[in-house]
Amino acid sequence: MSKGKASISATGASMSKYDVEVEGRLKALEGQAHKAPTGATQKKVEDRLAALEKAVADIAAKCDSRASSGSSGGDELAKLTAVVKAACPIAAEKYGI
């Protein structure tokens, strides 16, 4: 009885034609299930993050200007701070909110 050598696995073992076919199908399925992000997707994420960071910085600047002007917006500031912390905890931590 002869041993088939349709292919060699990564470990050096012989693989049958069936093994080769199953391995090909598995790789194709894994490729569809775990698509790598494209450059466009990554750019979108970075753009959205930059917009959020800018919005938080603008809000923080407005809050700082109101606080330094002596206005009595303490309740509004507390509400705004709570909203920012809930909506974007990473940005809130980054800007010390």
Protein backbone atom coordinates (compact mmCIF):
# COMPACT_ATOMS: atom_id res chain seq x y z
CA MET A 1 0.00 0.00 0.00
CA SER A 2 1.49 3.35 -1.00
CA LYS A 3 1.24 6.53 0.95
CA GLY A 4 -0.37 9.54 -0.77
CA LYS A 5 1.53 12.80 -0.94
CA ALA A 6 -0.96 15.34 -2.22
CA SER A 7 0.63 17.95 0.00
CA ILE A 8 2.79 18.45 3.05
CA SER A 9 1.43 20.12 6.20
CA ALA A 10 3.22 22.80 8.18
CA THR A 11 4.59 20.10 10.48
CA GLY A 12 5.95 18.10 7.53
CA ALA A 13 3.32 15.35 7.58
CA SER A 14 1.79 14.09 4.36
CA MET A 15 -1.74 15.25 3.62
CA SER A 16 -4.29 13.40 1.50
CA LYS A 17 -6.26 15.10 -1.24
CA TYR A 18 -9.22 15.18 1.16
CA ASP A 19 -7.09 16.87 3.84
CA VAL A 20 -5.92 19.45 1.33
CA GLU A 21 -9.50 20.15 0.24
CA VAL A 22 -10.75 20.46 3.85
CA GLU A 23 -7.83 22.74 4.74
CA GLY A 24 -8.62 24.98 1.75
CA ARG A 25 -12.28 25.21 2.69
CA LEU A 26 -11.43 25.97 6.32
CA LYS A 27 -9.07 28.77 5.32
CA ALA A 28 -11.72 30.24 3.02
CA LEU A 29 -14.33 30.18 5.80
CA GLU A 30 -11.94 31.73 8.32
CA GLY A 31 -11.12 34.45 5.80
CA GLN A 32 -14.79 35.37 5.51
CA ALA A 33 -15.49 35.19 9.24
CA HIS A 34 -12.52 37.31 10.30
CA LYS A 35 -12.10 39.94 7.64
CA ALA A 36 -9.18 42.23 8.30
CA PRO A 37 -10.09 45.92 8.50
CA THR A 38 -9.18 47.91 5.43
CA GLY A 39 -7.40 51.24 5.38
CA ALA A 40 -10.70 53.00 4.70
CA THR A 41 -12.33 51.44 7.75
CA GLN A 42 -9.41 52.39 9.97
CA LYS A 43 -9.48 55.96 8.65
CA LYS A 44 -13.21 56.22 9.40
CA VAL A 45 -12.63 55.10 12.97
CA GLU A 46 -9.77 57.55 13.43
CA ASP A 47 -11.81 60.41 11.93
CA ARG A 48 -14.74 59.69 14.27
CA LEU A 49 -12.42 59.55 17.26
CA ALA A 50 -10.78 62.84 16.27
CA ALA A 51 -14.22 64.47 15.92
CA LEU A 52 -15.26 63.21 19.36
CA GLU A 53 -12.02 64.42 20.93
CA LYS A 54 -12.49 67.85 19.33
CA ALA A 55 -16.09 68.05 20.57
CA VAL A 56 -15.03 67.14 24.09
CA ALA A 57 -12.23 69.72 23.99
CA ASP A 58 -14.67 72.39 22.77
CA ILE A 59 -17.14 71.52 25.53
CA ALA A 60 -14.36 71.56 28.12
CA ALA A 61 -13.20 74.99 26.89
CA LYS A 62 -16.75 76.36 27.14
CA CYS A 63 -17.08 74.93 30.64
CA ASP A 64 -13.75 76.43 31.66
CA SER A 65 -14.72 79.85 30.31
CA ARG A 66 -18.06 79.75 32.14
CA ALA A 67 -16.40 78.64 35.37
CA SER A 68 -13.77 81.39 35.18
CA SER A 69 -16.37 84.08 34.37
CA GLY A 70 -18.13 83.38 37.66
CA SER A 71 -21.47 82.38 36.16
CA SER A 72 -23.68 80.16 38.27
CA GLY A 73 -23.77 77.24 35.85
CA GLY A 74 -22.67 74.65 38.41
CA ASP A 75 -25.68 72.42 37.85
CA GLU A 76 -25.31 72.65 34.09
CA LEU A 77 -21.62 71.83 34.34
CA ALA A 78 -22.33 68.80 36.52
CA LYS A 79 -24.97 67.57 34.06
CA LEU A 80 -22.67 68.13 31.08
CA THR A 81 -19.80 66.37 32.81
CA ALA A 82 -22.02 63.37 33.55
CA VAL A 83 -23.17 63.21 29.93
CA VAL A 84 -19.60 63.36 28.60
CA LYS A 85 -18.44 60.68 31.05
CA ALA A 86 -21.31 58.40 30.07
CA ALA A 87 -20.99 58.98 26.33
CA CYS A 88 -17.23 58.75 26.00
CA PRO A 89 -15.39 57.59 29.11
CA ILE A 90 -12.05 57.33 27.29
CA ALA A 91 -12.16 60.96 26.16
CA ALA A 92 -13.41 62.06 29.58
CA GLU A 93 -10.45 60.34 31.20
CA LYS A 94 -8.05 61.79 28.64
CA TYR A 95 -9.23 65.35 29.29
CA GLY A 96 -9.65 64.90 33.04
CA ILE A 97 -13.40 65.40 33.05
